């Protein structure tokens, strides 16, 4: 594919991820926010379709309750919203589940989505996987997304490990992973960001961990 028709998908850049129990830990939230804003400015300059997503649960929910501070978009995103951009709420991981986002993207002639926002370990991953069935190519910006520390009966993993591992996983099959700077250059040039594939990643993995 050459000269991809991109759309920027801004996933759940909400106050919960900056001040709540789900506060992003890696990369640092404010650093990722700076890159999200850069991506929004690039999309505006280049005329890319933009979808701004908010996770929304009923009033009284512990997080993302409709109308609460946790639910609110971060002001750096809120103040940049444009009328021509699509806004949507969701209550599941993927931005495609229970929404009309897929149909809207089709109407825009989009064949490639660029995912920024939160979290790498939940909604970003679900959206990237969900795009496969729709025939959409996917890009994930590594420094405009983030993860949290997790621990449960299955074990524990740091946000840094989780973020890095999921980016390697995504790049092996589901998405091209790139920095915001590299993505900006690709958008300006109308170029495709290459991704790996499972066979190549497996071969390189064996070599990397050969004893």
Protein backbone atom coordinates (compact mmCIF):
# COMPACT_ATOMS: atom_id res chain seq x y z
CA UNK A 1 0.00 0.00 0.00
CA UNK A 2 1.27 3.44 -0.94
CA UNK A 3 -0.03 6.85 0.12
CA UNK A 4 -2.21 5.48 2.92
CA UNK A 5 -5.46 7.23 3.79
CA UNK A 6 -4.96 7.69 7.51
CA UNK A 7 -7.25 8.58 10.37
CA UNK A 8 -6.02 9.47 13.85
CA UNK A 9 -7.82 7.59 16.64
CA UNK A 10 -7.43 9.38 19.99
CA UNK A 11 -8.30 6.77 22.59
CA UNK A 12 -9.54 7.75 26.04
CA UNK A 13 -7.24 10.69 26.83
CA UNK A 14 -9.24 11.27 29.99
CA UNK A 15 -8.45 12.64 33.42
CA UNK A 16 -8.61 9.18 34.99
CA UNK A 17 -5.28 8.37 33.37
CA UNK A 18 -3.62 11.42 34.91
CA UNK A 19 -5.09 11.64 38.41
CA UNK A 20 -6.97 8.39 39.10
CA UNK A 21 -6.27 4.79 40.04
CA UNK A 22 -5.44 4.06 36.38
CA UNK A 23 -2.76 6.76 36.21
CA UNK A 24 -0.34 6.00 33.36
CA UNK A 25 3.11 5.00 34.61
CA UNK A 26 5.16 4.26 31.50
CA UNK A 27 6.04 6.19 29.50
CA UNK A 28 5.35 9.17 31.80
CA UNK A 29 1.80 10.43 31.25
CA UNK A 30 2.75 14.06 30.60
CA UNK A 31 5.36 12.98 28.07
CA UNK A 32 2.83 10.89 26.18
CA UNK A 33 0.32 13.76 26.34
CA UNK A 34 2.80 16.07 24.64
CA UNK A 35 3.12 13.58 21.79
CA UNK A 36 -0.65 13.11 21.56
CA UNK A 37 -1.04 16.86 21.16
CA UNK A 38 1.66 16.82 18.47
CA UNK A 39 -0.23 14.07 16.62
CA UNK A 40 -3.44 16.12 16.83
CA UNK A 41 -1.67 19.16 15.41
CA UNK A 42 -0.21 17.08 12.56
CA UNK A 43 -3.64 15.63 11.81
CA UNK A 44 -5.16 19.10 11.74
CA UNK A 45 -2.42 20.45 9.48
CA UNK A 46 -2.63 17.52 7.08
CA UNK A 47 -6.43 17.32 7.08
CA UNK A 48 -6.59 13.79 8.48
CA UNK A 49 -9.91 12.47 9.79
CA UNK A 50 -9.83 12.34 13.59
CA UNK A 51 -11.89 10.25 16.02
CA UNK A 52 -11.83 11.32 19.67
CA UNK A 53 -13.00 8.54 21.99
CA UNK A 54 -14.10 8.59 25.64
CA UNK A 55 -14.72 5.54 27.78
CA UNK A 56 -18.05 6.04 29.52
CA UNK A 57 -19.76 4.12 32.31
CA UNK A 58 -23.03 4.89 34.14
CA UNK A 59 -23.23 7.52 36.88
CA UNK A 60 -21.89 6.15 40.14
CA UNK A 61 -19.28 3.91 38.53
CA UNK A 62 -15.86 4.05 40.28
CA UNK A 63 -14.12 5.24 37.09
CA UNK A 64 -15.27 6.91 33.85
CA UNK A 65 -18.71 7.70 35.29
CA UNK A 66 -20.58 9.90 32.83
CA UNK A 67 -19.99 13.58 33.63
CA UNK A 68 -17.35 12.93 36.31
CA UNK A 69 -13.80 14.29 36.48
CA UNK A 70 -12.50 10.79 35.73
CA UNK A 71 -14.58 10.74 32.52
CA UNK A 72 -13.56 14.20 31.30
CA UNK A 73 -11.12 14.63 28.44
CA UNK A 74 -7.77 16.11 29.38
CA UNK A 75 -7.96 19.88 28.81
CA UNK A 76 -5.09 19.74 26.29
CA UNK A 77 -7.34 17.59 24.09
CA UNK A 78 -10.64 19.24 24.95
CA UNK A 79 -9.43 22.70 23.92
CA UNK A 80 -8.26 21.42 20.53
CA UNK A 81 -11.47 19.68 19.46
CA UNK A 82 -12.84 20.61 16.06
CA UNK A 83 -16.43 20.32 14.88
CA UNK A 84 -15.44 18.20 11.87
CA UNK A 85 -13.85 15.55 14.06
CA UNK A 86 -15.91 12.59 15.21
CA UNK A 87 -16.55 12.17 18.91
CA UNK A 88 -17.75 8.88 20.31
CA UNK A 89 -18.22 7.17 23.66
CA UNK A 90 -17.69 3.47 24.30
CA UNK A 91 -18.03 1.01 27.16
CA UNK A 92 -15.81 -1.76 25.83
CA UNK A 93 -12.11 -2.04 24.99
CA UNK A 94 -12.17 -1.68 21.23
CA UNK A 95 -13.34 1.62 19.75
CA UNK A 96 -15.23 -0.47 17.19
CA UNK A 97 -17.33 -2.46 19.70
CA UNK A 98 -20.84 -1.06 19.93
CA UNK A 99 -20.01 2.15 17.99
CA UNK A 100 -20.33 3.43 14.44
CA UNK A 101 -16.62 4.22 14.14
CA UNK A 102 -15.97 1.54 11.50
CA UNK A 103 -18.78 2.86 9.28
CA UNK A 104 -17.59 6.46 9.71
CA UNK A 105 -14.04 5.52 8.74
CA UNK A 106 -15.33 3.69 5.67
CA UNK A 107 -17.28 6.80 4.65
CA UNK A 108 -14.04 8.78 4.91
CA UNK A 109 -12.20 6.31 2.68
CA UNK A 110 -9.78 5.44 5.48
CA UNK A 111 -7.58 2.38 5.09
CA UNK A 112 -5.11 3.02 7.94
CA UNK A 113 -5.73 4.04 11.55
CA UNK A 114 -3.15 5.58 13.84
CA UNK A 115 -3.77 4.85 17.52
CA UNK A 116 -2.71 7.20 20.30
CA UNK A 117 -3.96 7.32 23.88
CA UNK A 118 -4.61 4.83 26.62
CA UNK A 119 -3.98 2.18 27.57
CA UNK A 120 -1.51 0.11 25.60
CA UNK A 121 -2.56 -2.87 27.70
CA UNK A 122 -6.29 -2.52 27.13
CA UNK A 123 -8.12 -0.29 24.67
CA UNK A 124 -5.19 0.31 22.31
CA UNK A 125 -4.55 -3.42 22.06
CA UNK A 126 -8.24 -4.24 21.62
CA UNK A 127 -8.63 -1.60 18.91
CA UNK A 128 -5.58 -2.78 16.99
CA UNK A 129 -6.79 -6.38 17.06
CA UNK A 130 -10.34 -5.34 16.16
CA UNK A 131 -9.11 -3.48 13.09
CA UNK A 132 -7.80 -6.71 11.56
CA UNK A 133 -11.31 -8.04 10.91
CA UNK A 134 -12.23 -4.74 9.26
CA UNK A 135 -9.29 -4.88 6.86
CA UNK A 136 -7.71 -1.74 8.28
CA UNK A 137 -3.96 -1.27 8.57
CA UNK A 138 -2.91 -0.07 12.01
CA UNK A 139 -0.20 2.19 13.39
CA UNK A 140 0.49 2.61 17.12
CA UNK A 141 2.61 5.49 18.35
CA UNK A 142 4.91 4.13 21.04
CA UNK A 143 5.54 7.45 22.78
CA UNK A 144 1.92 8.66 22.56
CA UNK A 145 0.46 5.68 24.44
CA UNK A 146 1.13 4.16 27.84
CA UNK A 147 0.57 1.38 30.35
CA UNK A 148 0.16 0.77 34.07
CA UNK A 149 1.70 -1.64 36.57
CA UNK A 150 -0.42 -4.78 36.93
CA UNK A 151 -0.55 -7.49 39.58
CA UNK A 152 -3.09 -10.26 40.15
CA UNK A 153 -3.29 -14.00 40.78
CA UNK A 154 -1.48 -14.66 37.50
CA UNK A 155 1.57 -12.65 38.53
CA UNK A 156 2.87 -9.10 38.24
CA UNK A 157 4.40 -6.94 35.53
CA UNK A 158 5.74 -3.41 35.52
CA UNK A 159 4.29 -0.76 33.25
CA UNK A 160 7.62 -0.51 31.45
CA UNK A 161 7.74 -4.26 30.75
CA UNK A 162 4.10 -4.36 29.78
CA UNK A 163 4.32 -1.43 27.37
CA UNK A 164 7.47 -2.73 25.69
CA UNK A 165 6.18 -6.29 25.43
CA UNK A 166 2.87 -5.25 23.90
CA UNK A 167 4.58 -2.99 21.37
CA UNK A 168 6.77 -5.91 20.26
CA UNK A 169 3.68 -8.11 20.06
CA UNK A 170 1.73 -5.53 18.05
CA UNK A 171 4.61 -4.90 15.64
CA UNK A 172 4.96 -8.63 14.99
CA UNK A 173 1.51 -8.88 13.42
CA UNK A 174 -1.20 -6.36 14.22
CA UNK A 175 0.34 -2.90 13.82
CA UNK A 176 3.28 -0.85 12.69
CA UNK A 177 4.82 0.68 15.81
CA UNK A 178 6.57 4.03 15.45
CA UNK A 179 7.47 7.16 17.38
CA UNK A 180 5.46 10.32 16.91
CA UNK A 181 8.42 11.88 15.10
CA UNK A 182 8.70 9.00 12.62
CA UNK A 183 4.93 9.00 12.08
CA UNK A 184 4.94 12.75 11.40
CA UNK A 185 7.60 12.27 8.73
CA UNK A 186 5.60 9.43 7.16
CA UNK A 187 2.39 11.48 7.13
CA UNK A 188 4.14 14.43 5.53
CA UNK A 189 5.66 12.18 2.87
CA UNK A 190 2.51 10.10 2.34
CA UNK A 191 4.60 7.04 3.17
CA UNK A 192 3.79 3.69 4.74
CA UNK A 193 5.37 2.80 8.08
CA UNK A 194 6.67 -0.78 7.71
CA UNK A 195 5.86 -3.44 10.26
CA UNK A 196 7.29 -6.87 10.87
CA UNK A 197 5.45 -10.18 10.54
CA UNK A 198 5.17 -13.18 12.81
CA UNK A 199 7.64 -15.37 10.91
CA UNK A 200 10.32 -12.69 10.76
CA UNK A 201 9.80 -11.75 14.40
CA UNK A 202 10.02 -15.41 15.43
CA UNK A 203 13.24 -15.92 13.48
CA UNK A 204 14.79 -12.80 14.94
CA UNK A 205 13.53 -13.81 18.39
CA UNK A 206 15.28 -17.19 18.21
CA UNK A 207 18.50 -15.47 17.21
CA UNK A 208 18.20 -12.87 19.95
CA UNK A 209 17.76 -15.51 22.65
CA UNK A 210 20.03 -18.22 21.31
CA UNK A 211 22.19 -19.65 24.07
